[in-house]
C-alpha cells in the first residue's frame, strides 16, 4: 500500500489484498492471503501484520490474536521437545516441575553460582536457570559457569537419583549465541535459555534451525513494552504463538498470583496459546515465574493443571533454612497438591513447608 494513487498498480495485485471479514465495535478480524508471505520467514510475516501500521497517526492498534493457515504453520519447525519430550527427558510423568533461578541474579562469582544451583537441586528442584540478565560478565564468565554448574548438576543427580537440568542463558549476538549453544551441548548440557524478545525472533529461529539436542526455554524479558498497554501493541498470546511456531519448548506465561501484573484471564489466554491445536506443531510447557513461594502452589496447580513449571527464586532462596530447605518446601507443596492434601495439613509433618507458610502465608 501507499498513501496516493500510483500508475504502477496492476489488476492482478488485488488478489493479494487483505480482507476485513468481521467488525464488532472496536474489534476487527482481518484475513491476509498466505501468498503475501514467504514460508518459514517470521520476520517477513510480522513486518506485514505487525509493522508500519503501528506508526500511523490517529490510530490505537493492538494485535490481540493471530492464526496461521496449516501450510504456513508447517513451514516452521515448532518445538523439538514440547511438554511430552521435556517430561521424558526429566523422567517426570505427571507432577508439575519445580525450578528456581539463581539469586542474586547478578554479582555471584562462578563458584558460588554453581553452589547455589547444587543446593537447589539437592533440595528437590528439577530445574535451575540463569536469570535473564546473566550472560558472560567478568564476575561470572559463560564457559566457566557452564563447566562448574554442570559438574554440580552431575553431583546432584548422583546423590538424588533424579534427573536435573540447568538452563544456561545463551542470549547474545546471533553467531555468539550459536557458539554458546554448541558449547553447552558439547559440555553435556540439556537446556538453553533465550531472551526471545531482546534477542529477536530471527535470532531465535536461527538457533532453532540448528536443531541442537537442547530444550529451548524462552524468557520473555521486555514483553510488557508490547503487551501492557490495553489499546496499543501486541498481546502475549501472539508472542506465544510466534515463539511456539519458531520452536521454543517452554515459555513464561505469567502466574495469576505473585508479583506479575497479568490477571487470570490473560494468563489463561497465554496458556491456551501454548497448547491450542496448530496442525502438527507440538505444544509448549507453560512456565509460572515471578514472586512465587510454596504457599502459591495449590492455586497454581488448580489453575494451570499439572502441566506446569513452577519457578521460584526468592520463594526458595529466601526460606528461613536457606536454599536447600526452600527447595524441599517447594517440592513438599507440590507433593501436597498432587495428593489433594491442604498445605496446612501437610505442613504438620513437613517442617520445611511449615516454615515457608509461616514466613509467606498461603495464596
Protein backbone atom coordinates (compact mmCIF):
# COMPACT_ATOMS: atom_id res chain seq x y z
CA UNK A 1 0.00 0.00 0.00
CA UNK A 2 0.88 3.65 -0.23
CA UNK A 3 -0.76 6.99 0.52
CA UNK A 4 -1.76 8.06 -3.01
CA UNK A 5 -2.85 6.73 -6.40
CA UNK A 6 0.00 5.17 -8.35
CA UNK A 7 0.50 4.35 -12.03
CA UNK A 8 2.20 1.01 -11.33
CA UNK A 9 -0.92 -0.68 -9.91
CA UNK A 10 -1.92 -3.88 -11.76
CA UNK A 11 -5.30 -5.66 -11.61
CA UNK A 12 -3.73 -8.97 -10.61
CA UNK A 13 -2.33 -7.45 -7.42
CA UNK A 14 -5.85 -7.24 -5.99
CA UNK A 15 -5.92 -10.98 -5.34
CA UNK A 16 -3.33 -10.39 -2.61
CA UNK A 17 -5.34 -7.72 -0.81
CA UNK A 18 -6.20 -8.24 2.85
CA UNK A 19 -9.89 -8.56 3.76
CA UNK A 20 -11.69 -7.28 6.83
CA UNK A 21 -14.24 -10.04 7.44
CA UNK A 22 -15.66 -9.14 10.85
CA UNK A 23 -16.17 -5.91 12.79
CA UNK A 24 -17.54 -5.88 16.34
CA UNK A 25 -17.25 -2.47 17.93
CA UNK A 26 -13.57 -1.61 18.16
CA UNK A 27 -12.53 -5.16 17.31
CA UNK A 28 -11.98 -6.38 13.79
CA UNK A 29 -10.69 -9.52 12.13
CA UNK A 30 -8.50 -9.33 9.05
CA UNK A 31 -7.54 -12.14 6.67
CA UNK A 32 -4.29 -11.95 4.72
CA UNK A 33 -3.76 -14.21 1.68
CA UNK A 34 -0.95 -16.62 2.51
CA UNK A 35 0.68 -15.74 -0.81
CA UNK A 36 1.77 -12.45 0.74
CA UNK A 37 4.25 -14.25 2.95
CA UNK A 38 7.48 -16.17 2.46
CA UNK A 39 7.15 -19.57 4.15
CA UNK A 40 9.46 -20.02 7.12
CA UNK A 41 10.22 -16.29 7.38
CA UNK A 42 8.70 -14.97 10.60
CA UNK A 43 10.35 -11.58 10.22
CA UNK A 44 8.59 -11.15 6.87
CA UNK A 45 5.22 -12.14 8.33
CA UNK A 46 5.48 -9.80 11.31
CA UNK A 47 6.67 -6.92 9.14
CA UNK A 48 3.29 -7.15 7.41
CA UNK A 49 0.81 -7.91 10.19
CA UNK A 50 2.62 -6.01 12.95
CA UNK A 51 4.72 -3.49 11.05
CA UNK A 52 4.37 0.13 9.92
CA UNK A 53 0.65 0.21 10.70
CA UNK A 54 1.54 0.73 14.36
CA UNK A 55 3.19 4.04 13.49
CA UNK A 56 0.24 5.65 11.69
CA UNK A 57 -1.20 8.88 13.06
CA UNK A 58 -4.54 8.81 14.82
CA UNK A 59 -4.71 5.07 15.37
CA UNK A 60 -4.59 2.98 18.51
CA UNK A 61 -3.92 -0.55 17.38
CA UNK A 62 -3.42 -3.75 19.32
CA UNK A 63 -2.79 -7.13 17.72
CA UNK A 64 -4.74 -9.44 20.02
CA UNK A 65 -4.56 -12.78 18.25
CA UNK A 66 -3.09 -14.46 15.20
CA UNK A 67 -3.91 -17.69 13.34
CA UNK A 68 -1.67 -19.33 10.75
CA UNK A 69 -3.03 -21.45 7.89
CA UNK A 70 -1.76 -25.05 8.13
CA UNK A 71 0.73 -24.84 5.26
CA UNK A 72 2.32 -21.65 6.59
CA UNK A 73 2.46 -23.02 10.14
CA UNK A 74 4.11 -26.19 8.84
CA UNK A 75 6.92 -24.13 7.29
CA UNK A 76 8.31 -23.62 10.82
CA UNK A 77 9.99 -26.31 12.91
CA UNK A 78 7.99 -25.80 16.08
CA UNK A 79 9.20 -27.22 19.42
CA UNK A 80 11.67 -30.09 19.28
CA UNK A 81 10.57 -31.50 22.64
CA UNK A 82 7.35 -29.91 23.84
CA UNK A 83 5.67 -31.00 27.07
CA UNK A 84 5.95 -34.73 26.43
CA UNK A 85 9.60 -34.51 25.41
CA UNK A 86 10.58 -32.44 28.44
CA UNK A 87 8.83 -34.86 30.78
CA UNK A 88 10.58 -37.80 29.12
CA UNK A 89 13.95 -36.05 29.43
CA UNK A 90 13.46 -35.49 33.15
CA UNK A 91 11.68 -38.75 33.86
CA UNK A 92 8.73 -36.97 35.48
CA UNK A 93 5.40 -38.23 34.16
CA UNK A 94 2.69 -36.28 35.97
CA UNK A 95 3.61 -33.74 38.62
CA UNK A 96 4.49 -30.11 37.97
CA UNK A 97 8.20 -29.48 37.51
CA UNK A 98 9.94 -27.43 40.18
CA UNK A 99 12.52 -24.84 39.20
CA UNK A 100 14.47 -21.95 40.59
CA UNK A 101 16.53 -19.04 39.39
CA UNK A 102 19.97 -18.42 40.82
CA UNK A 103 19.75 -15.38 43.09
CA UNK A 104 21.05 -12.77 43.38
CA UNK A 105 20.55 -12.55 39.63
CA UNK A 106 23.85 -10.75 39.08
CA UNK A 107 27.08 -10.49 41.04
CA UNK A 108 27.82 -14.02 42.23
CA UNK A 109 31.14 -15.47 41.16
CA UNK A 110 31.13 -18.72 39.24
CA UNK A 111 31.88 -20.97 42.21
CA UNK A 112 29.09 -19.50 44.33
CA UNK A 113 26.67 -19.58 41.39
CA UNK A 114 27.31 -23.30 40.92
CA UNK A 115 26.92 -23.89 44.66
CA UNK A 116 23.51 -22.21 44.73
CA UNK A 117 22.46 -24.40 41.81
CA UNK A 118 23.65 -27.52 43.62
CA UNK A 119 21.79 -26.60 46.80
CA UNK A 120 18.56 -26.14 44.85
CA UNK A 121 18.93 -29.46 43.04
CA UNK A 122 19.88 -31.25 46.27
CA UNK A 123 16.71 -29.95 47.91
CA UNK A 124 14.47 -31.23 45.14
CA UNK A 125 14.43 -28.76 42.25
CA UNK A 126 14.30 -30.33 38.82
CA UNK A 127 15.47 -27.17 37.11
CA UNK A 128 17.91 -24.36 37.84
CA UNK A 129 18.23 -21.47 35.44
CA UNK A 130 20.24 -18.34 34.88
CA UNK A 131 18.42 -15.06 35.19
CA UNK A 132 17.77 -13.11 32.02
CA UNK A 133 20.49 -10.54 32.77
CA UNK A 134 23.32 -13.03 33.17
CA UNK A 135 25.43 -13.69 30.09
CA UNK A 136 29.23 -13.64 30.27
CA UNK A 137 30.22 -10.87 32.64
CA UNK A 138 33.70 -10.69 34.15
CA UNK A 139 32.47 -11.85 37.55
CA UNK A 140 30.93 -15.00 36.03
CA UNK A 141 32.26 -15.91 32.55
CA UNK A 142 29.99 -18.10 30.45
CA UNK A 143 32.29 -21.06 29.76
CA UNK A 144 33.49 -21.33 33.36
CA UNK A 145 29.90 -21.15 34.59
CA UNK A 146 28.78 -23.94 32.27
CA UNK A 147 31.59 -26.27 33.31
CA UNK A 148 31.26 -25.69 37.05
CA UNK A 149 27.46 -25.68 37.17
CA UNK A 150 27.11 -28.84 35.09
CA UNK A 151 29.63 -30.54 37.39
CA UNK A 152 27.36 -29.67 40.30
CA UNK A 153 24.39 -30.96 38.32
CA UNK A 154 26.14 -34.30 37.90
CA UNK A 155 26.86 -34.42 41.62
CA UNK A 156 23.22 -33.69 42.48
CA UNK A 157 21.99 -36.34 40.05
CA UNK A 158 24.32 -38.92 41.57
CA UNK A 159 23.18 -38.11 45.10
CA UNK A 160 19.45 -37.81 44.48
CA UNK A 161 18.90 -40.38 41.75
CA UNK A 162 16.85 -37.78 39.85
CA UNK A 163 17.48 -36.07 36.52
CA UNK A 164 18.45 -32.42 36.93
CA UNK A 165 18.74 -29.72 34.28
CA UNK A 166 20.49 -26.37 34.03
CA UNK A 167 19.03 -23.67 31.80
CA UNK A 168 22.05 -21.69 30.66
CA UNK A 169 21.29 -18.26 29.22
CA UNK A 170 22.96 -18.17 25.81
CA UNK A 171 21.43 -14.84 24.74
CA UNK A 172 23.93 -12.77 22.76
CA UNK A 173 24.68 -11.63 19.20
CA UNK A 174 23.39 -14.41 16.96
CA UNK A 175 26.68 -16.04 15.96
CA UNK A 176 27.91 -15.89 19.55
CA UNK A 177 24.61 -17.34 20.72
CA UNK A 178 25.08 -20.30 18.37
CA UNK A 179 28.63 -20.78 19.64
CA UNK A 180 27.41 -20.78 23.23
CA UNK A 181 24.68 -23.30 22.46
CA UNK A 182 27.29 -25.56 20.85
CA UNK A 183 29.44 -25.24 23.97
CA UNK A 184 26.53 -26.18 26.22
CA UNK A 185 25.76 -29.25 24.11
CA UNK A 186 29.40 -30.33 23.92
CA UNK A 187 29.70 -29.90 27.70
CA UNK A 188 26.81 -32.24 28.37
CA UNK A 189 24.07 -29.68 28.90
CA UNK A 190 20.48 -30.46 28.03
CA UNK A 191 18.93 -26.98 28.03
CA UNK A 192 19.49 -23.44 26.87
CA UNK A 193 17.59 -20.27 27.66
CA UNK A 194 17.00 -17.44 25.20
CA UNK A 195 15.62 -13.97 25.93
CA UNK A 196 13.41 -14.22 22.87
CA UNK A 197 12.33 -10.59 22.53
CA UNK A 198 15.64 -8.89 23.21
CA UNK A 199 17.50 -11.42 21.04
CA UNK A 200 14.85 -11.19 18.32
CA UNK A 201 12.66 -13.74 16.60
CA UNK A 202 15.08 -14.22 13.70
CA UNK A 203 17.91 -15.00 16.09
CA UNK A 204 15.62 -17.43 17.88
CA UNK A 205 14.73 -19.04 14.56
CA UNK A 206 18.40 -19.38 13.66
CA UNK A 207 19.19 -21.21 16.88
CA UNK A 208 16.16 -23.49 16.48
CA UNK A 209 17.05 -24.26 12.88
CA UNK A 210 20.45 -25.53 14.03
CA UNK A 211 18.46 -28.38 15.60
CA UNK A 212 20.59 -28.78 18.71
CA UNK A 213 19.69 -31.59 21.09
CA UNK A 214 18.79 -28.93 23.62
CA UNK A 215 15.48 -27.90 25.12
CA UNK A 216 14.84 -24.20 24.40
CA UNK A 217 13.49 -22.27 27.37
CA UNK A 218 12.02 -18.91 26.33
CA UNK A 219 12.29 -15.94 28.66
CA UNK A 220 10.02 -13.06 27.70
CA UNK A 221 12.06 -10.17 29.14
CA UNK A 222 10.74 -6.93 27.65
CA UNK A 223 7.32 -8.29 26.72
CA UNK A 224 5.43 -5.62 28.67
CA UNK A 225 6.71 -2.97 26.25
CA UNK A 226 4.45 -4.71 23.71
CA UNK A 227 1.73 -6.25 25.87
CA UNK A 228 0.93 -3.98 28.81
CA UNK A 229 -0.99 -1.19 27.06
CA UNK A 230 -4.56 -2.48 26.50
CA UNK A 231 -5.16 -0.29 23.42
CA UNK A 232 -1.79 -0.45 21.65
CA UNK A 233 0.85 -3.06 20.97
CA UNK A 234 0.94 -6.84 20.63
CA UNK A 235 -0.67 -9.28 23.05
CA UNK A 236 1.23 -12.01 24.85
CA UNK A 237 -0.77 -14.80 23.13
CA UNK A 238 0.51 -13.53 19.77
CA UNK A 239 4.08 -13.60 21.08
CA UNK A 240 3.44 -17.10 22.43
CA UNK A 241 2.13 -18.42 19.10
CA UNK A 242 5.05 -16.91 17.20
CA UNK A 243 7.60 -18.33 19.65
CA UNK A 244 5.88 -21.72 19.52
CA UNK A 245 5.95 -21.90 15.73
CA UNK A 246 9.60 -20.91 15.66
CA UNK A 247 10.29 -23.69 18.14
CA UNK A 248 10.60 -22.92 21.85
CA UNK A 249 9.77 -25.74 24.25
CA UNK A 250 8.99 -23.71 27.36
CA UNK A 251 7.65 -20.18 27.81
CA UNK A 252 6.95 -17.82 30.68
CA UNK A 253 3.20 -17.12 30.66
CA UNK A 254 2.61 -15.24 33.92
CA UNK A 255 1.29 -16.56 37.20
CA UNK A 256 -2.15 -15.08 38.02
CA UNK A 257 -0.66 -14.87 41.53
CA UNK A 258 2.67 -13.48 42.76
CA UNK A 259 4.15 -10.17 41.63
CA UNK A 260 3.33 -10.03 37.90
CA UNK A 261 0.56 -7.78 36.55
CA UNK A 262 -1.38 -10.23 34.36
CA UNK A 263 -4.73 -11.43 35.67
CA UNK A 264 -6.28 -14.87 35.42
CA UNK A 265 -7.92 -14.29 32.03
CA UNK A 266 -4.69 -13.04 30.48
CA UNK A 267 -2.67 -15.96 31.82
CA UNK A 268 -5.39 -18.36 30.69
CA UNK A 269 -5.11 -16.95 27.16
CA UNK A 270 -1.32 -17.34 27.29
CA UNK A 271 -1.63 -20.98 28.34
CA UNK A 272 -4.14 -21.60 25.54
CA UNK A 273 -1.66 -20.20 23.01
CA UNK A 274 0.91 -22.72 24.25
CA UNK A 275 -1.43 -25.69 23.93
CA UNK A 276 -4.01 -24.96 21.23
CA UNK A 277 -4.08 -27.19 18.15
CA UNK A 278 -1.83 -25.81 15.39
CA UNK A 279 -1.51 -28.57 12.83
CA UNK A 280 1.22 -30.96 13.90
CA UNK A 281 3.12 -28.36 15.95
CA UNK A 282 3.98 -29.63 19.44
CA UNK A 283 2.72 -27.82 22.50
CA UNK A 284 4.82 -25.62 24.78
CA UNK A 285 5.36 -26.16 28.52
CA UNK A 286 3.85 -23.16 30.37
CA UNK A 287 6.15 -21.61 32.98
CA UNK A 288 4.90 -19.69 36.02
CA UNK A 289 7.55 -17.43 37.49
CA UNK A 290 7.58 -14.17 39.41
CA UNK A 291 7.07 -13.69 43.14
CA UNK A 292 6.14 -17.31 43.82
CA UNK A 293 6.57 -19.32 47.03
CA UNK A 294 5.29 -22.69 48.32
CA UNK A 295 2.04 -21.13 49.53
CA UNK A 296 1.05 -20.40 45.93
CA UNK A 297 1.38 -23.98 44.68
CA UNK A 298 -2.18 -25.26 45.29
CA UNK A 299 -3.69 -22.27 43.47
CA UNK A 300 -1.21 -22.67 40.62
CA UNK A 301 -1.98 -26.37 40.17
CA UNK A 302 -5.71 -25.70 40.30
CA UNK A 303 -5.37 -23.01 37.63
CA UNK A 304 -2.68 -24.47 35.34
CA UNK A 305 -3.23 -28.16 35.91
CA UNK A 306 -0.21 -30.40 36.34
CA UNK A 307 1.47 -29.40 33.06
CA UNK A 308 3.22 -26.55 34.81
CA UNK A 309 6.78 -25.49 35.52
CA UNK A 310 6.71 -23.67 38.84
CA UNK A 311 9.78 -21.45 39.17
CA UNK A 312 10.51 -19.65 42.42
CA UNK A 313 13.57 -17.52 43.07
CA UNK A 314 13.15 -15.65 46.33
CA UNK A 315 10.49 -18.17 47.34
CA UNK A 316 13.21 -20.81 47.55
CA UNK A 317 16.39 -18.89 48.43
CA UNK A 318 14.53 -16.73 50.96
CA UNK A 319 13.42 -19.70 53.05
CA UNK A 320 14.46 -19.37 56.72
CA UNK A 321 16.54 -22.52 56.36
CA UNK A 322 18.28 -21.45 53.16
CA UNK A 323 18.20 -22.71 49.59
CA UNK A 324 18.19 -26.46 50.28
CA UNK A 325 15.28 -26.18 52.70
CA UNK A 326 13.48 -23.81 50.35
CA UNK A 327 13.66 -26.35 47.55
CA UNK A 328 12.48 -29.07 49.92
CA UNK A 329 9.50 -26.90 50.89
CA UNK A 330 8.56 -26.28 47.26
CA UNK A 331 8.64 -29.99 46.46
CA UNK A 332 6.58 -30.67 49.57
CA UNK A 333 3.99 -28.16 48.40
CA UNK A 334 3.83 -29.90 45.01
CA UNK A 335 3.53 -33.30 46.68
CA UNK A 336 0.68 -31.99 48.84
CA UNK A 337 -1.16 -30.64 45.81
CA UNK A 338 -0.73 -33.91 43.93
CA UNK A 339 -2.07 -35.83 46.94
CA UNK A 340 -5.04 -33.50 47.31
CA UNK A 341 -3.96 -32.53 50.82
CA UNK A 342 -4.13 -28.95 52.10
CA UNK A 343 -0.84 -27.21 52.83
CA UNK A 344 -1.80 -26.69 56.47
CA UNK A 345 -2.43 -30.38 56.90
CA UNK A 346 0.70 -31.43 55.00
CA UNK A 347 2.84 -28.94 56.92
CA UNK A 348 2.07 -30.67 60.22
CA UNK A 349 4.57 -33.39 59.31
CA UNK A 350 6.83 -31.38 56.98
CA UNK A 351 8.88 -28.79 58.81
CA UNK A 352 10.31 -27.03 55.76
CA UNK A 353 6.85 -26.38 54.32
CA UNK A 354 5.62 -25.22 57.72
CA UNK A 355 8.44 -22.66 57.93
CA UNK A 356 7.67 -21.37 54.43
CA UNK A 357 3.99 -20.91 55.25
CA UNK A 358 4.84 -19.16 58.49
CA UNK A 359 7.01 -16.68 56.56
CA UNK A 360 4.94 -16.08 53.42
CA UNK A 361 1.49 -17.47 54.12
CA UNK A 362 -0.80 -19.15 51.58
CA UNK A 363 -2.43 -17.76 48.46
